[in-house]
Amino acid sequence: MIADAMVKNGEVPKYEKVAARYQSRKAAWIRRNTPESPVELSNMVVARLYELIERSWREGGRGPFWGEVRDEMGWDQSQTRDALHRLRESGGIHFTNDAGSLTAGDNRSLKASADVAMAKSIRKHSGSEHRLVAS
C-alpha cells in the first residue's frame, strides 16, 4: 500500500524509504490511539457525559460528535477515544461508525464496569499486566 502510493506520486519505492514511511505511520497511529493520561471515569464524569448526550439528542436530534465530547469534557483526542471505547465495553454507551450515533446505554451504574474496562485497556496498551498493581 505504501509502495503503491509512492509509485502514484512518481517516487521509486526503495526498501529503506518504504520502511521509514511505515515506521512513521506506525508511530503516528500509536500517538493518536494511546492516551498519555487515561480519563478516570468517575460517576460525576459519566453523569456529565450522559447530560451532554441527552442534550444533544433533545436539541439536535442526534448524538454528540466526538469532537463535541472532547471539547465539552476537556479531553484530548486519544483520551476521548479511550474513554468512549471503555464506556462502550462496559455497556454505558452505544455508538456505531456513523457520526452522531452516540447514545446512552442500559448500564447506568458504570463505576465498577468502567474500572474493569480501564484495566483491560491498560493491559492492551502496555502489553504487560505488571502495571495492574492494586493501590
C-alpha atoms as a PDB file:
ATOM      1  CA  MET A   1       0.000   0.000   0.000  1.00  0.00           C
ATOM      2  CA  ILE A   2       2.798   2.436   0.883  1.00  0.00           C
ATOM      3  CA  ALA A   3       4.801   1.402  -2.177  1.00  0.00           C
ATOM      4  CA  ASP A   4       1.720   1.845  -4.390  1.00  0.00           C
ATOM      5  CA  ALA A   5       1.221   5.382  -3.081  1.00  0.00           C
ATOM      6  CA  MET A   6       4.872   6.162  -3.699  1.00  0.00           C
ATOM      7  CA  VAL A   7       4.633   4.946  -7.314  1.00  0.00           C
ATOM      8  CA  LYS A   8       1.489   7.057  -7.857  1.00  0.00           C
ATOM      9  CA  ASN A   9       3.456  10.084  -6.628  1.00  0.00           C
ATOM     10  CA  GLY A  10       6.305   9.354  -9.021  1.00  0.00           C
ATOM     11  CA  GLU A  11       8.684   8.065  -6.325  1.00  0.00           C
ATOM     12  CA  VAL A  12      10.802   4.936  -6.560  1.00  0.00           C
ATOM     13  CA  PRO A  13       9.733   2.687  -3.653  1.00  0.00           C
ATOM     14  CA  LYS A  14      13.116   1.655  -2.300  1.00  0.00           C
ATOM     15  CA  TYR A  15      13.103  -0.641   0.727  1.00  0.00           C
ATOM     16  CA  GLU A  16      14.570   1.984   3.065  1.00  0.00           C
ATOM     17  CA  LYS A  17      12.004   4.624   2.071  1.00  0.00           C
ATOM     18  CA  VAL A  18       9.063   2.226   2.414  1.00  0.00           C
ATOM     19  CA  ALA A  19      10.299   1.000   5.811  1.00  0.00           C
ATOM     20  CA  ALA A  20      10.838   4.559   7.062  1.00  0.00           C
ATOM     21  CA  ARG A  21       7.373   5.638   5.943  1.00  0.00           C
ATOM     22  CA  TYR A  22       5.846   2.563   7.569  1.00  0.00           C
ATOM     23  CA  GLN A  23       7.607   3.330  10.874  1.00  0.00           C
ATOM     24  CA  SER A  24       6.468   6.938  10.681  1.00  0.00           C
ATOM     25  CA  ARG A  25       2.837   5.929  10.110  1.00  0.00           C
ATOM     26  CA  LYS A  26       3.013   3.334  12.892  1.00  0.00           C
ATOM     27  CA  ALA A  27       4.404   5.905  15.353  1.00  0.00           C
ATOM     28  CA  ALA A  28       1.695   8.405  14.379  1.00  0.00           C
ATOM     29  CA  TRP A  29      -1.019   5.765  14.879  1.00  0.00           C
ATOM     30  CA  ILE A  30       0.343   4.913  18.331  1.00  0.00           C
ATOM     31  CA  ARG A  31       0.457   8.608  19.308  1.00  0.00           C
ATOM     32  CA  ARG A  32      -3.147   9.106  18.198  1.00  0.00           C
ATOM     33  CA  ASN A  33      -4.504   5.971  19.844  1.00  0.00           C
ATOM     34  CA  THR A  34      -2.643   5.751  23.153  1.00  0.00           C
ATOM     35  CA  PRO A  35      -3.818   8.213  25.772  1.00  0.00           C
ATOM     36  CA  GLU A  36      -0.998   9.805  27.749  1.00  0.00           C
ATOM     37  CA  SER A  37      -3.200  10.014  30.821  1.00  0.00           C
ATOM     38  CA  PRO A  38      -6.344   7.871  30.754  1.00  0.00           C
ATOM     39  CA  VAL A  39      -9.502   9.572  31.953  1.00  0.00           C
ATOM     40  CA  GLU A  40     -10.875   8.485  35.311  1.00  0.00           C
ATOM     41  CA  LEU A  41     -14.484   7.625  34.632  1.00  0.00           C
ATOM     42  CA  SER A  42     -15.950   8.693  37.955  1.00  0.00           C
ATOM     43  CA  ASN A  43     -19.702   8.755  38.441  1.00  0.00           C
ATOM     44  CA  MET A  44     -19.620  12.552  38.113  1.00  0.00           C
ATOM     45  CA  VAL A  45     -17.743  12.406  34.786  1.00  0.00           C
ATOM     46  CA  VAL A  46     -20.104   9.774  33.416  1.00  0.00           C
ATOM     47  CA  ALA A  47     -23.164  11.753  34.580  1.00  0.00           C
ATOM     48  CA  ARG A  48     -21.814  14.843  32.802  1.00  0.00           C
ATOM     49  CA  LEU A  49     -21.307  12.806  29.620  1.00  0.00           C
ATOM     50  CA  TYR A  50     -24.882  11.467  29.856  1.00  0.00           C
ATOM     51  CA  GLU A  51     -26.177  15.024  30.202  1.00  0.00           C
ATOM     52  CA  LEU A  52     -24.251  16.001  27.066  1.00  0.00           C
ATOM     53  CA  ILE A  53     -25.623  13.016  25.140  1.00  0.00           C
ATOM     54  CA  GLU A  54     -29.205  13.663  26.233  1.00  0.00           C
ATOM     55  CA  ARG A  55     -28.947  17.409  25.483  1.00  0.00           C
ATOM     56  CA  SER A  56     -27.551  16.706  22.030  1.00  0.00           C
ATOM     57  CA  TRP A  57     -30.404  14.332  21.195  1.00  0.00           C
ATOM     58  CA  ARG A  58     -33.002  16.726  22.610  1.00  0.00           C
ATOM     59  CA  GLU A  59     -31.667  19.849  20.861  1.00  0.00           C
ATOM     60  CA  GLY A  60     -30.175  18.430  17.676  1.00  0.00           C
ATOM     61  CA  GLY A  61     -31.899  15.114  17.061  1.00  0.00           C
ATOM     62  CA  ARG A  62     -28.563  13.259  17.098  1.00  0.00           C
ATOM     63  CA  GLY A  63     -25.859  12.213  19.489  1.00  0.00           C
ATOM     64  CA  PRO A  64     -22.860  14.474  20.027  1.00  0.00           C
ATOM     65  CA  PHE A  65     -19.919  14.212  17.661  1.00  0.00           C
ATOM     66  CA  TRP A  66     -16.704  13.025  19.294  1.00  0.00           C
ATOM     67  CA  GLY A  67     -15.179  16.478  18.820  1.00  0.00           C
ATOM     68  CA  GLU A  68     -18.069  17.953  20.796  1.00  0.00           C
ATOM     69  CA  VAL A  69     -17.493  15.393  23.560  1.00  0.00           C
ATOM     70  CA  ARG A  70     -13.783  16.227  23.549  1.00  0.00           C
ATOM     71  CA  ASP A  71     -14.428  19.967  23.815  1.00  0.00           C
ATOM     72  CA  GLU A  72     -17.148  19.671  26.466  1.00  0.00           C
ATOM     73  CA  MET A  73     -15.232  17.202  28.639  1.00  0.00           C
ATOM     74  CA  GLY A  74     -11.821  18.853  28.214  1.00  0.00           C
ATOM     75  CA  TRP A  75     -10.175  15.689  26.891  1.00  0.00           C
ATOM     76  CA  ASP A  76      -7.698  15.284  24.053  1.00  0.00           C
ATOM     77  CA  GLN A  77      -8.439  13.083  21.041  1.00  0.00           C
ATOM     78  CA  SER A  78      -6.847   9.907  22.406  1.00  0.00           C
ATOM     79  CA  GLN A  79      -8.473  10.340  25.827  1.00  0.00           C
ATOM     80  CA  THR A  80     -11.864  10.763  24.147  1.00  0.00           C
ATOM     81  CA  ARG A  81     -11.391   7.643  22.037  1.00  0.00           C
ATOM     82  CA  ASP A  82     -10.179   5.625  25.028  1.00  0.00           C
ATOM     83  CA  ALA A  83     -12.963   6.782  27.380  1.00  0.00           C
ATOM     84  CA  LEU A  84     -15.766   6.228  24.855  1.00  0.00           C
ATOM     85  CA  HIS A  85     -14.495   2.762  23.955  1.00  0.00           C
ATOM     86  CA  ARG A  86     -14.190   1.800  27.637  1.00  0.00           C
ATOM     87  CA  LEU A  87     -17.721   3.014  28.291  1.00  0.00           C
ATOM     88  CA  ARG A  88     -18.995   1.058  25.288  1.00  0.00           C
ATOM     89  CA  GLU A  89     -17.284  -2.099  26.563  1.00  0.00           C
ATOM     90  CA  SER A  90     -18.985  -1.643  29.930  1.00  0.00           C
ATOM     91  CA  GLY A  91     -22.421  -1.124  28.333  1.00  0.00           C
ATOM     92  CA  GLY A  92     -22.640   2.503  29.402  1.00  0.00           C
ATOM     93  CA  ILE A  93     -22.929   3.955  25.907  1.00  0.00           C
ATOM     94  CA  HIS A  94     -23.526   2.755  22.371  1.00  0.00           C
ATOM     95  CA  PHE A  95     -22.225   4.075  19.069  1.00  0.00           C
ATOM     96  CA  THR A  96     -21.561   2.958  15.516  1.00  0.00           C
ATOM     97  CA  ASN A  97     -19.236   4.332  12.855  1.00  0.00           C
ATOM     98  CA  ASP A  98     -21.957   6.819  11.886  1.00  0.00           C
ATOM     99  CA  ALA A  99     -21.493  10.421  13.014  1.00  0.00           C
ATOM    100  CA  GLY A 100     -23.973  11.428  15.693  1.00  0.00           C
ATOM    101  CA  SER A 101     -24.767   7.833  16.714  1.00  0.00           C
ATOM    102  CA  LEU A 102     -23.615   8.159  20.344  1.00  0.00           C
ATOM    103  CA  THR A 103     -26.382   7.151  22.767  1.00  0.00           C
ATOM    104  CA  ALA A 104     -26.553   6.404  26.483  1.00  0.00           C
ATOM    105  CA  GLY A 105     -26.537   2.690  27.224  1.00  0.00           C
ATOM    106  CA  ASP A 106     -28.539   0.472  29.528  1.00  0.00           C
ATOM    107  CA  ASN A 107     -25.867   0.142  32.220  1.00  0.00           C
ATOM    108  CA  ARG A 108     -26.192   3.367  34.210  1.00  0.00           C
ATOM    109  CA  SER A 109     -24.146   2.117  37.187  1.00  0.00           C
ATOM    110  CA  LEU A 110     -20.814   2.341  35.454  1.00  0.00           C
ATOM    111  CA  LYS A 111     -18.132   2.803  38.085  1.00  0.00           C
ATOM    112  CA  ALA A 112     -17.228  -0.871  38.614  1.00  0.00           C
ATOM    113  CA  SER A 113     -17.594  -1.882  34.971  1.00  0.00           C
ATOM    114  CA  ALA A 114     -15.636   1.169  33.794  1.00  0.00           C
ATOM    115  CA  ASP A 115     -12.816   0.233  36.177  1.00  0.00           C
ATOM    116  CA  VAL A 116     -12.723  -3.264  34.673  1.00  0.00           C
ATOM    117  CA  ALA A 117     -12.692  -1.791  31.158  1.00  0.00           C
ATOM    118  CA  MET A 118      -9.832   0.536  32.165  1.00  0.00           C
ATOM    119  CA  ALA A 119      -7.802  -2.423  33.424  1.00  0.00           C
ATOM    120  CA  LYS A 120      -8.368  -4.188  30.089  1.00  0.00           C
ATOM    121  CA  SER A 121      -7.331  -1.027  28.244  1.00  0.00           C
ATOM    122  CA  ILE A 122      -4.116  -0.677  30.238  1.00  0.00           C
ATOM    123  CA  ARG A 123      -3.288  -4.342  29.597  1.00  0.00           C
ATOM    124  CA  LYS A 124      -3.943  -3.897  25.869  1.00  0.00           C
ATOM    125  CA  HIS A 125      -1.867  -0.724  25.502  1.00  0.00           C
ATOM    126  CA  SER A 126       1.037  -1.705  27.752  1.00  0.00           C
ATOM    127  CA  GLY A 127       1.431  -5.265  26.536  1.00  0.00           C
ATOM    128  CA  SER A 128       2.038  -6.192  30.149  1.00  0.00           C
ATOM    129  CA  GLU A 129      -0.012  -6.858  33.240  1.00  0.00           C
ATOM    130  CA  HIS A 130       2.685  -5.522  35.567  1.00  0.00           C
ATOM    131  CA  ARG A 131       1.046  -2.065  35.582  1.00  0.00           C
ATOM    132  CA  LEU A 132      -2.144  -3.500  37.085  1.00  0.00           C
ATOM    133  CA  VAL A 133      -0.927  -3.406  40.679  1.00  0.00           C
ATOM    134  CA  ALA A 134      -3.694  -2.502  43.088  1.00  0.00           C
ATOM    135  CA  SER A 135      -3.064   0.680  45.040  1.00  0.00           C
END
